[in-house]
Amino acid sequence: MAGGIAEDRRLREGLFGYARRWPAESDTVDLFLELLADPDNPFRRERLAGHFTASCWLVSRDGARVLLTHHRKLGLWLQLGGHADGERDLAAAALREAGEESGLSGLCVEPGIFDLDRHWIPEHKGVPAHWHYDVRYVVRAGDDEAFTVSEESLDLAWRSVVDLAADPAADASVRRMARKWMGDW
């Protein structure tokens, strides 16, 4: 979990690339760039002014379905992911989280940032409320899609991307990612 100039530069370049691809989200990108420039390590969960997290849009091999977790702490159906825990390579952190939370092997992370989401995390078990700056990557499943539910989840489920994009009950950021994914097809 070594920190480094190369990882920070790669993330900065990834954020600039994301801003070019999604210009309507430039204000969000600016918030992430500001956090990245902060000298107080923003990759550690102990930084309660806000910190980076890494998530994945874990898609089936054919790209038609996404694996969601019924998040134990938040009680919502969301993408898999979690804290960077000091890891500055957020793509690697997203891939690690995907494997830990799904039990799937043969996963592959695709290059480039897929989505960004800054969201407020409520106080939980004495940890004050704080901001998560979630950097999301596409992770593809291999041949075996039989997942294992980890202790972090109430359940896991493969969901149709098309259905998620149209589901008003789905989390807004999940619907946004579904729409983005369908635009990439």
N, C-alpha and C. Protein backbone atom coordinates (compact mmCIF):
# COMPACT_ATOMS: atom_id res chain seq x y z
N MET A 1 0.82 -1.18 0.00
CA MET A 1 0.00 0.00 0.00
C MET A 1 0.87 1.25 0.00
N ALA A 2 1.92 1.17 -0.74
CA ALA A 2 2.84 2.30 -0.80
C ALA A 2 2.22 3.45 -1.56
N GLY A 3 2.50 4.64 -1.07
CA GLY A 3 2.04 5.85 -1.76
C GLY A 3 3.08 6.24 -2.78
N GLY A 4 2.65 6.99 -3.77
CA GLY A 4 3.65 7.38 -4.73
C GLY A 4 3.17 8.41 -5.72
N ILE A 5 4.16 9.10 -6.24
CA ILE A 5 3.92 10.16 -7.22
C ILE A 5 3.30 9.57 -8.48
N ALA A 6 3.76 8.40 -8.91
CA ALA A 6 3.24 7.80 -10.15
C ALA A 6 1.76 7.49 -10.03
N GLU A 7 1.33 6.93 -8.89
CA GLU A 7 -0.09 6.60 -8.71
C GLU A 7 -0.94 7.87 -8.69
N ASP A 8 -0.44 8.92 -8.00
CA ASP A 8 -1.19 10.18 -7.95
C ASP A 8 -1.30 10.80 -9.35
N ARG A 9 -0.21 10.75 -10.11
CA ARG A 9 -0.22 11.29 -11.47
C ARG A 9 -1.20 10.51 -12.34
N ARG A 10 -1.21 9.19 -12.19
CA ARG A 10 -2.12 8.34 -12.98
C ARG A 10 -3.58 8.67 -12.62
N LEU A 11 -3.87 8.87 -11.33
CA LEU A 11 -5.22 9.23 -10.92
C LEU A 11 -5.60 10.61 -11.45
N ARG A 12 -4.69 11.56 -11.35
CA ARG A 12 -4.95 12.91 -11.87
C ARG A 12 -5.25 12.87 -13.37
N GLU A 13 -4.44 12.13 -14.12
CA GLU A 13 -4.67 11.99 -15.57
C GLU A 13 -6.00 11.30 -15.84
N GLY A 14 -6.33 10.30 -15.01
CA GLY A 14 -7.61 9.62 -15.16
C GLY A 14 -8.78 10.57 -14.91
N LEU A 15 -8.63 11.45 -13.93
CA LEU A 15 -9.69 12.43 -13.64
C LEU A 15 -9.85 13.43 -14.78
N PHE A 16 -8.72 13.88 -15.35
CA PHE A 16 -8.80 14.79 -16.50
C PHE A 16 -9.48 14.09 -17.68
N GLY A 17 -9.13 12.83 -17.91
CA GLY A 17 -9.76 12.07 -18.99
C GLY A 17 -11.26 11.90 -18.76
N TYR A 18 -11.63 11.67 -17.53
CA TYR A 18 -13.04 11.54 -17.18
C TYR A 18 -13.78 12.85 -17.46
N ALA A 19 -13.15 13.97 -17.11
CA ALA A 19 -13.77 15.29 -17.34
C ALA A 19 -13.97 15.54 -18.84
N ARG A 20 -13.03 15.08 -19.66
CA ARG A 20 -13.21 15.24 -21.12
C ARG A 20 -14.36 14.38 -21.63
N ARG A 21 -14.49 13.19 -21.07
CA ARG A 21 -15.55 12.27 -21.52
C ARG A 21 -16.92 12.71 -21.01
N TRP A 22 -16.98 13.24 -19.78
CA TRP A 22 -18.24 13.64 -19.15
C TRP A 22 -18.14 15.11 -18.72
N PRO A 23 -18.11 16.04 -19.66
CA PRO A 23 -17.92 17.46 -19.30
C PRO A 23 -18.98 18.01 -18.35
N ALA A 24 -20.16 17.47 -18.33
CA ALA A 24 -21.21 17.94 -17.41
C ALA A 24 -20.85 17.64 -15.96
N GLU A 25 -19.87 16.77 -15.72
CA GLU A 25 -19.46 16.41 -14.37
C GLU A 25 -18.15 17.09 -13.96
N SER A 26 -17.80 18.18 -14.63
CA SER A 26 -16.52 18.84 -14.34
C SER A 26 -16.46 19.39 -12.92
N ASP A 27 -17.57 19.83 -12.35
CA ASP A 27 -17.55 20.30 -10.96
C ASP A 27 -17.21 19.16 -10.00
N THR A 28 -17.72 17.98 -10.28
CA THR A 28 -17.40 16.81 -9.46
C THR A 28 -15.92 16.48 -9.59
N VAL A 29 -15.41 16.50 -10.81
CA VAL A 29 -13.99 16.21 -11.04
C VAL A 29 -13.13 17.21 -10.26
N ASP A 30 -13.52 18.48 -10.26
CA ASP A 30 -12.76 19.50 -9.52
C ASP A 30 -12.67 19.16 -8.03
N LEU A 31 -13.77 18.66 -7.45
CA LEU A 31 -13.75 18.26 -6.03
C LEU A 31 -12.75 17.12 -5.79
N PHE A 32 -12.71 16.16 -6.72
CA PHE A 32 -11.79 15.03 -6.59
C PHE A 32 -10.34 15.48 -6.75
N LEU A 33 -10.10 16.39 -7.69
CA LEU A 33 -8.74 16.92 -7.87
C LEU A 33 -8.29 17.70 -6.65
N GLU A 34 -9.20 18.46 -6.06
CA GLU A 34 -8.88 19.21 -4.84
C GLU A 34 -8.50 18.25 -3.71
N LEU A 35 -9.25 17.17 -3.56
CA LEU A 35 -8.93 16.19 -2.53
C LEU A 35 -7.57 15.54 -2.81
N LEU A 36 -7.31 15.20 -4.05
CA LEU A 36 -6.04 14.56 -4.41
C LEU A 36 -4.85 15.46 -4.06
N ALA A 37 -5.02 16.77 -4.18
CA ALA A 37 -3.94 17.72 -3.89
C ALA A 37 -3.75 17.97 -2.39
N ASP A 38 -4.65 17.48 -1.57
CA ASP A 38 -4.57 17.72 -0.12
C ASP A 38 -3.37 16.98 0.46
N PRO A 39 -2.52 17.68 1.23
CA PRO A 39 -1.34 17.01 1.80
C PRO A 39 -1.67 15.99 2.90
N ASP A 40 -2.87 16.09 3.50
CA ASP A 40 -3.28 15.11 4.50
C ASP A 40 -3.80 13.89 3.74
N ASN A 41 -3.09 12.79 3.79
CA ASN A 41 -3.34 11.61 2.96
C ASN A 41 -4.83 11.30 2.78
N PRO A 42 -5.39 11.58 1.59
CA PRO A 42 -6.82 11.34 1.35
C PRO A 42 -7.17 9.90 1.00
N PHE A 43 -6.21 8.99 1.10
CA PHE A 43 -6.46 7.59 0.78
C PHE A 43 -6.69 6.74 2.04
N ARG A 44 -6.70 7.40 3.19
CA ARG A 44 -6.90 6.71 4.46
C ARG A 44 -8.29 7.01 5.01
N ARG A 45 -8.96 6.01 5.50
CA ARG A 45 -10.32 6.19 6.04
C ARG A 45 -10.34 7.04 7.29
N GLU A 46 -9.23 7.16 7.97
CA GLU A 46 -9.16 7.97 9.19
C GLU A 46 -9.27 9.47 8.90
N ARG A 47 -9.11 9.86 7.66
CA ARG A 47 -9.23 11.28 7.27
C ARG A 47 -10.72 11.60 7.15
N LEU A 48 -11.28 12.08 8.24
CA LEU A 48 -12.74 12.26 8.31
C LEU A 48 -13.25 13.52 7.64
N ALA A 49 -12.36 14.35 7.12
CA ALA A 49 -12.80 15.48 6.30
C ALA A 49 -13.22 14.98 4.91
N GLY A 50 -12.99 13.70 4.65
CA GLY A 50 -13.32 13.07 3.37
C GLY A 50 -12.14 12.25 2.89
N HIS A 51 -12.42 11.16 2.20
CA HIS A 51 -11.35 10.31 1.69
C HIS A 51 -11.83 9.53 0.47
N PHE A 52 -10.83 9.06 -0.28
CA PHE A 52 -11.12 8.27 -1.47
C PHE A 52 -11.61 6.87 -1.10
N THR A 53 -12.55 6.39 -1.88
CA THR A 53 -12.97 4.99 -1.85
C THR A 53 -12.90 4.48 -3.28
N ALA A 54 -12.93 3.18 -3.44
CA ALA A 54 -12.82 2.57 -4.77
C ALA A 54 -13.94 1.55 -4.93
N SER A 55 -14.68 1.67 -6.01
CA SER A 55 -15.79 0.76 -6.28
C SER A 55 -15.67 0.19 -7.68
N CYS A 56 -16.51 -0.80 -7.92
CA CYS A 56 -16.49 -1.41 -9.24
C CYS A 56 -17.91 -1.61 -9.77
N TRP A 57 -18.05 -1.44 -11.05
CA TRP A 57 -19.24 -1.79 -11.82
C TRP A 57 -18.92 -3.18 -12.32
N LEU A 58 -19.25 -4.21 -11.52
CA LEU A 58 -18.85 -5.58 -11.81
C LEU A 58 -19.86 -6.20 -12.76
N VAL A 59 -19.47 -6.28 -14.03
CA VAL A 59 -20.39 -6.76 -15.06
C VAL A 59 -20.12 -8.21 -15.42
N SER A 60 -21.19 -8.85 -15.84
CA SER A 60 -21.09 -10.24 -16.32
C SER A 60 -20.21 -10.26 -17.56
N ARG A 61 -19.76 -11.43 -17.90
CA ARG A 61 -18.88 -11.57 -19.06
C ARG A 61 -19.50 -10.96 -20.32
N ASP A 62 -20.83 -11.10 -20.49
CA ASP A 62 -21.49 -10.56 -21.68
C ASP A 62 -21.87 -9.08 -21.53
N GLY A 63 -21.67 -8.51 -20.33
CA GLY A 63 -21.94 -7.10 -20.12
C GLY A 63 -23.39 -6.74 -19.91
N ALA A 64 -24.28 -7.71 -19.86
CA ALA A 64 -25.71 -7.43 -19.76
C ALA A 64 -26.20 -7.31 -18.31
N ARG A 65 -25.41 -7.83 -17.36
CA ARG A 65 -25.82 -7.81 -15.95
C ARG A 65 -24.70 -7.24 -15.09
N VAL A 66 -25.09 -6.73 -13.93
CA VAL A 66 -24.12 -6.19 -12.98
C VAL A 66 -24.39 -6.83 -11.62
N LEU A 67 -23.32 -7.11 -10.88
CA LEU A 67 -23.46 -7.70 -9.56
C LEU A 67 -23.55 -6.57 -8.52
N LEU A 68 -24.66 -6.56 -7.78
CA LEU A 68 -24.88 -5.57 -6.74
C LEU A 68 -24.86 -6.23 -5.37
N THR A 69 -24.52 -5.43 -4.37
CA THR A 69 -24.55 -5.88 -2.99
C THR A 69 -25.67 -5.18 -2.25
N HIS A 70 -26.36 -5.94 -1.41
CA HIS A 70 -27.31 -5.32 -0.48
C HIS A 70 -26.45 -4.93 0.71
N HIS A 71 -26.03 -3.68 0.73
CA HIS A 71 -25.02 -3.17 1.66
C HIS A 71 -25.50 -3.29 3.10
N ARG A 72 -24.71 -3.95 3.93
CA ARG A 72 -25.08 -4.21 5.31
C ARG A 72 -25.27 -2.92 6.12
N LYS A 73 -24.37 -1.96 6.00
CA LYS A 73 -24.46 -0.74 6.81
C LYS A 73 -25.50 0.24 6.28
N LEU A 74 -25.61 0.35 4.96
CA LEU A 74 -26.49 1.37 4.38
C LEU A 74 -27.88 0.84 4.03
N GLY A 75 -28.02 -0.49 3.92
CA GLY A 75 -29.32 -1.08 3.60
C GLY A 75 -29.79 -0.81 2.19
N LEU A 76 -28.85 -0.50 1.28
CA LEU A 76 -29.19 -0.20 -0.12
C LEU A 76 -28.52 -1.20 -1.04
N TRP A 77 -29.10 -1.38 -2.24
CA TRP A 77 -28.46 -2.18 -3.28
C TRP A 77 -27.50 -1.26 -4.03
N LEU A 78 -26.20 -1.57 -3.93
CA LEU A 78 -25.15 -0.72 -4.50
C LEU A 78 -24.10 -1.57 -5.21
N GLN A 79 -23.21 -0.88 -5.88
CA GLN A 79 -22.05 -1.53 -6.49
C GLN A 79 -21.11 -1.99 -5.38
N LEU A 80 -20.25 -2.95 -5.68
CA LEU A 80 -19.28 -3.42 -4.71
C LEU A 80 -18.14 -2.42 -4.61
N GLY A 81 -17.53 -2.33 -3.44
CA GLY A 81 -16.40 -1.43 -3.26
C GLY A 81 -16.16 -1.12 -1.81
N GLY A 82 -15.17 -0.28 -1.57
CA GLY A 82 -14.87 0.07 -0.20
C GLY A 82 -13.71 1.02 -0.07
N HIS A 83 -13.15 1.09 1.11
CA HIS A 83 -12.07 2.01 1.42
C HIS A 83 -10.78 1.62 0.71
N ALA A 84 -10.01 2.64 0.36
CA ALA A 84 -8.71 2.41 -0.28
C ALA A 84 -7.71 1.88 0.74
N ASP A 85 -7.90 2.24 2.02
CA ASP A 85 -7.01 1.79 3.09
C ASP A 85 -5.54 2.04 2.77
N GLY A 86 -5.27 3.25 2.27
CA GLY A 86 -3.90 3.65 1.99
C GLY A 86 -3.44 3.34 0.58
N GLU A 87 -4.13 2.49 -0.14
CA GLU A 87 -3.77 2.12 -1.52
C GLU A 87 -4.05 3.32 -2.43
N ARG A 88 -3.01 3.80 -3.12
CA ARG A 88 -3.17 4.95 -4.00
C ARG A 88 -3.58 4.53 -5.42
N ASP A 89 -3.41 3.27 -5.76
CA ASP A 89 -3.86 2.74 -7.05
C ASP A 89 -5.31 2.30 -6.86
N LEU A 90 -6.24 3.20 -7.17
CA LEU A 90 -7.65 2.93 -6.88
C LEU A 90 -8.23 1.84 -7.78
N ALA A 91 -7.70 1.66 -8.97
CA ALA A 91 -8.15 0.55 -9.82
C ALA A 91 -7.82 -0.78 -9.15
N ALA A 92 -6.62 -0.87 -8.58
CA ALA A 92 -6.22 -2.09 -7.86
C ALA A 92 -7.09 -2.29 -6.63
N ALA A 93 -7.41 -1.19 -5.93
CA ALA A 93 -8.28 -1.29 -4.75
C ALA A 93 -9.68 -1.76 -5.14
N ALA A 94 -10.20 -1.25 -6.26
CA ALA A 94 -11.52 -1.67 -6.73
C ALA A 94 -11.53 -3.15 -7.09
N LEU A 95 -10.49 -3.61 -7.74
CA LEU A 95 -10.38 -5.02 -8.11
C LEU A 95 -10.28 -5.88 -6.85
N ARG A 96 -9.51 -5.44 -5.87
CA ARG A 96 -9.40 -6.17 -4.60
C ARG A 96 -10.76 -6.27 -3.91
N GLU A 97 -11.47 -5.15 -3.83
CA GLU A 97 -12.79 -5.13 -3.20
C GLU A 97 -13.76 -6.06 -3.94
N ALA A 98 -13.70 -6.06 -5.27
CA ALA A 98 -14.58 -6.92 -6.06
C ALA A 98 -14.38 -8.38 -5.69
N GLY A 99 -13.12 -8.80 -5.59
CA GLY A 99 -12.82 -10.18 -5.24
C GLY A 99 -13.22 -10.52 -3.82
N GLU A 100 -12.90 -9.62 -2.89
CA GLU A 100 -13.22 -9.87 -1.48
C GLU A 100 -14.73 -9.94 -1.25
N GLU A 101 -15.48 -9.06 -1.88
CA GLU A 101 -16.91 -8.98 -1.60
C GLU A 101 -17.75 -9.97 -2.40
N SER A 102 -17.20 -10.52 -3.49
CA SER A 102 -17.98 -11.44 -4.32
C SER A 102 -17.50 -12.87 -4.26
N GLY A 103 -16.24 -13.07 -3.88
CA GLY A 103 -15.67 -14.41 -3.91
C GLY A 103 -15.37 -14.89 -5.32
N LEU A 104 -15.56 -14.04 -6.32
CA LEU A 104 -15.31 -14.43 -7.70
C LEU A 104 -13.83 -14.40 -8.02
N SER A 105 -13.39 -15.33 -8.85
CA SER A 105 -12.01 -15.33 -9.34
C SER A 105 -12.05 -15.01 -10.83
N GLY A 106 -10.91 -14.74 -11.39
CA GLY A 106 -10.83 -14.45 -12.82
C GLY A 106 -11.36 -13.08 -13.19
N LEU A 107 -11.40 -12.16 -12.22
CA LEU A 107 -11.89 -10.80 -12.48
C LEU A 107 -10.82 -9.98 -13.19
N CYS A 108 -11.27 -9.03 -14.01
CA CYS A 108 -10.35 -8.18 -14.75
C CYS A 108 -10.85 -6.75 -14.70
N VAL A 109 -9.99 -5.82 -14.29
CA VAL A 109 -10.38 -4.40 -14.25
C VAL A 109 -10.03 -3.76 -15.59
N GLU A 110 -10.95 -2.97 -16.10
CA GLU A 110 -10.72 -2.27 -17.36
C GLU A 110 -10.05 -0.92 -17.07
N PRO A 111 -9.23 -0.45 -18.00
CA PRO A 111 -8.54 0.82 -17.77
C PRO A 111 -9.52 2.00 -17.80
N GLY A 112 -9.19 3.02 -17.06
CA GLY A 112 -9.96 4.26 -17.06
C GLY A 112 -11.04 4.29 -16.00
N ILE A 113 -11.33 5.50 -15.54
CA ILE A 113 -12.38 5.71 -14.54
C ILE A 113 -13.73 5.64 -15.23
N PHE A 114 -14.63 4.85 -14.68
CA PHE A 114 -15.97 4.69 -15.24
C PHE A 114 -16.96 5.71 -14.69
N ASP A 115 -16.85 6.01 -13.39
CA ASP A 115 -17.81 6.91 -12.75
C ASP A 115 -17.18 7.51 -11.51
N LEU A 116 -17.68 8.68 -11.14
CA LEU A 116 -17.28 9.34 -9.90
C LEU A 116 -18.53 9.66 -9.11
N ASP A 117 -18.44 9.52 -7.80
CA ASP A 117 -19.59 9.87 -6.96
C ASP A 117 -19.09 10.33 -5.59
N ARG A 118 -19.45 11.55 -5.23
CA ARG A 118 -19.15 12.07 -3.89
C ARG A 118 -20.44 11.97 -3.10
N HIS A 119 -20.41 11.22 -2.01
CA HIS A 119 -21.63 11.02 -1.23
C HIS A 119 -21.33 11.05 0.27
N TRP A 120 -22.33 11.47 1.01
CA TRP A 120 -22.26 11.63 2.45
C TRP A 120 -22.55 10.31 3.13
N ILE A 121 -21.69 9.94 4.04
CA ILE A 121 -21.86 8.71 4.82
C ILE A 121 -22.30 9.11 6.22
N PRO A 122 -23.44 8.61 6.67
CA PRO A 122 -23.92 8.98 8.01
C PRO A 122 -23.05 8.37 9.11
N GLU A 123 -23.15 8.93 10.30
CA GLU A 123 -22.43 8.40 11.45
C GLU A 123 -22.82 6.93 11.64
N HIS A 124 -21.82 6.11 11.99
CA HIS A 124 -22.07 4.69 12.21
C HIS A 124 -21.10 4.17 13.26
N LYS A 125 -21.64 3.63 14.32
CA LYS A 125 -20.85 3.01 15.39
C LYS A 125 -19.70 3.91 15.85
N GLY A 126 -20.01 5.16 16.12
CA GLY A 126 -19.02 6.09 16.66
C GLY A 126 -18.13 6.75 15.64
N VAL A 127 -18.21 6.35 14.37
CA VAL A 127 -17.43 7.02 13.33
C VAL A 127 -18.28 8.19 12.82
N PRO A 128 -17.76 9.41 12.95
CA PRO A 128 -18.56 10.57 12.54
C PRO A 128 -18.94 10.53 11.06
N ALA A 129 -20.00 11.22 10.72
CA ALA A 129 -20.42 11.35 9.33
C ALA A 129 -19.28 12.01 8.53
N HIS A 130 -19.15 11.62 7.27
CA HIS A 130 -18.05 12.15 6.44
C HIS A 130 -18.35 11.91 4.96
N TRP A 131 -17.52 12.51 4.11
CA TRP A 131 -17.66 12.36 2.66
C TRP A 131 -16.83 11.19 2.14
N HIS A 132 -17.43 10.43 1.22
CA HIS A 132 -16.69 9.45 0.41
C HIS A 132 -16.56 10.02 -0.99
N TYR A 133 -15.37 9.98 -1.50
CA TYR A 133 -15.07 10.37 -2.87
C TYR A 133 -14.82 9.06 -3.61
N ASP A 134 -15.87 8.52 -4.20
CA ASP A 134 -15.83 7.17 -4.75
C ASP A 134 -15.41 7.19 -6.21
N VAL A 135 -14.30 6.54 -6.52
CA VAL A 135 -13.80 6.40 -7.88
C VAL A 135 -14.17 4.99 -8.31
N ARG A 136 -14.89 4.90 -9.43
CA ARG A 136 -15.47 3.62 -9.85
C ARG A 136 -14.88 3.14 -11.17
N TYR A 137 -14.60 1.85 -11.21
CA TYR A 137 -13.98 1.21 -12.38
C TYR A 137 -14.86 0.06 -12.85
N VAL A 138 -14.76 -0.24 -14.12
CA VAL A 138 -15.44 -1.42 -14.64
C VAL A 138 -14.56 -2.64 -14.34
N VAL A 139 -15.19 -3.65 -13.76
CA VAL A 139 -14.53 -4.94 -13.53
C VAL A 139 -15.39 -5.99 -14.22
N ARG A 140 -14.76 -6.82 -15.02
CA ARG A 140 -15.49 -7.89 -15.73
C ARG A 140 -15.30 -9.22 -15.04
N ALA A 141 -16.41 -9.95 -14.95
CA ALA A 141 -16.37 -11.30 -14.40
C ALA A 141 -15.75 -12.25 -15.43
N GLY A 142 -15.20 -13.31 -14.93
CA GLY A 142 -14.68 -14.36 -15.80
C GLY A 142 -15.79 -15.34 -16.14
N ASP A 143 -15.42 -16.57 -16.39
CA ASP A 143 -16.39 -17.58 -16.77
C ASP A 143 -17.33 -17.98 -15.63
N ASP A 144 -16.80 -17.99 -14.40
CA ASP A 144 -17.59 -18.43 -13.25
C ASP A 144 -18.25 -17.23 -12.60
N GLU A 145 -19.58 -17.20 -12.59
CA GLU A 145 -20.32 -16.08 -12.00
C GLU A 145 -21.03 -16.48 -10.70
N ALA A 146 -20.64 -17.62 -10.11
CA ALA A 146 -21.23 -18.07 -8.86
C ALA A 146 -20.53 -17.35 -7.71
N PHE A 147 -21.20 -16.36 -7.16
CA PHE A 147 -20.63 -15.52 -6.11
C PHE A 147 -20.82 -16.13 -4.73
N THR A 148 -20.10 -15.55 -3.76
CA THR A 148 -20.23 -15.89 -2.35
C THR A 148 -20.52 -14.59 -1.61
N VAL A 149 -21.52 -14.59 -0.77
CA VAL A 149 -21.88 -13.39 -0.01
C VAL A 149 -20.91 -13.25 1.16
N SER A 150 -20.27 -12.08 1.25
CA SER A 150 -19.32 -11.83 2.34
C SER A 150 -20.06 -11.23 3.54
N GLU A 151 -19.33 -11.06 4.64
CA GLU A 151 -19.92 -10.48 5.85
C GLU A 151 -20.31 -9.02 5.66
N GLU A 152 -19.77 -8.36 4.63
CA GLU A 152 -20.08 -6.95 4.40
C GLU A 152 -21.45 -6.75 3.75
N SER A 153 -22.02 -7.84 3.25
CA SER A 153 -23.28 -7.75 2.50
C SER A 153 -24.39 -8.53 3.18
N LEU A 154 -25.59 -8.06 3.00
CA LEU A 154 -26.77 -8.84 3.38
C LEU A 154 -27.06 -9.88 2.30
N ASP A 155 -26.76 -9.50 1.05
CA ASP A 155 -27.00 -10.39 -0.09
C ASP A 155 -26.27 -9.81 -1.29
N LEU A 156 -26.12 -10.62 -2.33
CA LEU A 156 -25.61 -10.19 -3.63
C LEU A 156 -26.61 -10.67 -4.68
N ALA A 157 -26.67 -9.96 -5.80
CA ALA A 157 -27.56 -10.39 -6.88
C ALA A 157 -27.08 -9.82 -8.21
N TRP A 158 -27.17 -10.66 -9.24
CA TRP A 158 -26.94 -10.19 -10.60
C TRP A 158 -28.22 -9.49 -11.06
N ARG A 159 -28.10 -8.28 -11.58
CA ARG A 159 -29.25 -7.52 -12.05
C ARG A 159 -29.03 -7.09 -13.49
N SER A 160 -30.08 -7.09 -14.27
CA SER A 160 -30.03 -6.61 -15.65
C SER A 160 -29.71 -5.12 -15.65
N VAL A 161 -28.73 -4.71 -16.45
CA VAL A 161 -28.36 -3.30 -16.55
C VAL A 161 -29.53 -2.49 -17.11
N VAL A 162 -30.20 -3.03 -18.10
CA VAL A 162 -31.35 -2.34 -18.71
C VAL A 162 -32.44 -2.11 -17.66
N ASP A 163 -32.73 -3.13 -16.86
CA ASP A 163 -33.75 -2.98 -15.81
C ASP A 163 -33.34 -1.95 -14.77
N LEU A 164 -32.07 -1.94 -14.38
CA LEU A 164 -31.59 -0.98 -13.39
C LEU A 164 -31.71 0.46 -13.88
N ALA A 165 -31.40 0.67 -15.14
CA ALA A 165 -31.47 2.03 -15.69
C ALA A 165 -32.87 2.61 -15.60
N ALA A 166 -33.87 1.75 -15.64
CA ALA A 166 -35.27 2.20 -15.64
C ALA A 166 -35.95 2.06 -14.28
N ASP A 167 -35.24 1.56 -13.28
CA ASP A 167 -35.84 1.28 -11.98
C ASP A 167 -35.81 2.51 -11.08
N PRO A 168 -36.96 3.17 -10.85
CA PRO A 168 -36.96 4.37 -10.01
C PRO A 168 -36.61 4.08 -8.55
N ALA A 169 -36.70 2.84 -8.13
CA ALA A 169 -36.36 2.49 -6.75
C ALA A 169 -34.86 2.27 -6.57
N ALA A 170 -34.12 2.14 -7.66
CA ALA A 170 -32.67 1.92 -7.57
C ALA A 170 -31.98 3.21 -7.14
N ASP A 171 -30.86 3.07 -6.47
CA ASP A 171 -30.05 4.22 -6.08
C ASP A 171 -29.73 5.06 -7.32
N ALA A 172 -29.78 6.38 -7.16
CA ALA A 172 -29.57 7.29 -8.30
C ALA A 172 -28.22 7.08 -8.97
N SER A 173 -27.17 6.83 -8.18
CA SER A 173 -25.86 6.64 -8.81
C SER A 173 -25.80 5.31 -9.55
N VAL A 174 -26.50 4.30 -9.08
CA VAL A 174 -26.56 3.02 -9.79
C VAL A 174 -27.30 3.19 -11.11
N ARG A 175 -28.39 3.94 -11.10
CA ARG A 175 -29.12 4.21 -12.36
C ARG A 175 -28.21 4.98 -13.33
N ARG A 176 -27.46 5.96 -12.81
CA ARG A 176 -26.55 6.73 -13.68
C ARG A 176 -25.51 5.81 -14.32
N MET A 177 -24.92 4.91 -13.51
CA MET A 177 -23.93 4.00 -14.07
C MET A 177 -24.56 3.06 -15.11
N ALA A 178 -25.77 2.61 -14.85
CA ALA A 178 -26.44 1.75 -15.83
C ALA A 178 -26.64 2.50 -17.15
N ARG A 179 -27.05 3.75 -17.06
CA ARG A 179 -27.23 4.54 -18.30
C ARG A 179 -25.90 4.76 -19.01
N LYS A 180 -24.86 5.05 -18.24
CA LYS A 180 -23.54 5.21 -18.86
C LYS A 180 -23.11 3.91 -19.54
N TRP A 181 -23.31 2.80 -18.85
CA TRP A 181 -22.90 1.52 -19.41
C TRP A 181 -23.67 1.23 -20.70
N MET A 182 -24.94 1.49 -20.73
CA MET A 182 -25.73 1.23 -21.93
C MET A 182 -25.27 2.12 -23.07
N GLY A 183 -24.81 3.31 -22.77
CA GLY A 183 -24.28 4.20 -23.80
C GLY A 183 -22.96 3.70 -24.38
N ASP A 184 -22.26 2.85 -23.61
CA ASP A 184 -20.98 2.30 -24.07
C ASP A 184 -21.17 1.05 -24.94
N TRP A 185 -22.36 0.55 -24.95
CA TRP A 185 -22.57 -0.69 -25.74
C TRP A 185 -22.48 -0.42 -27.21
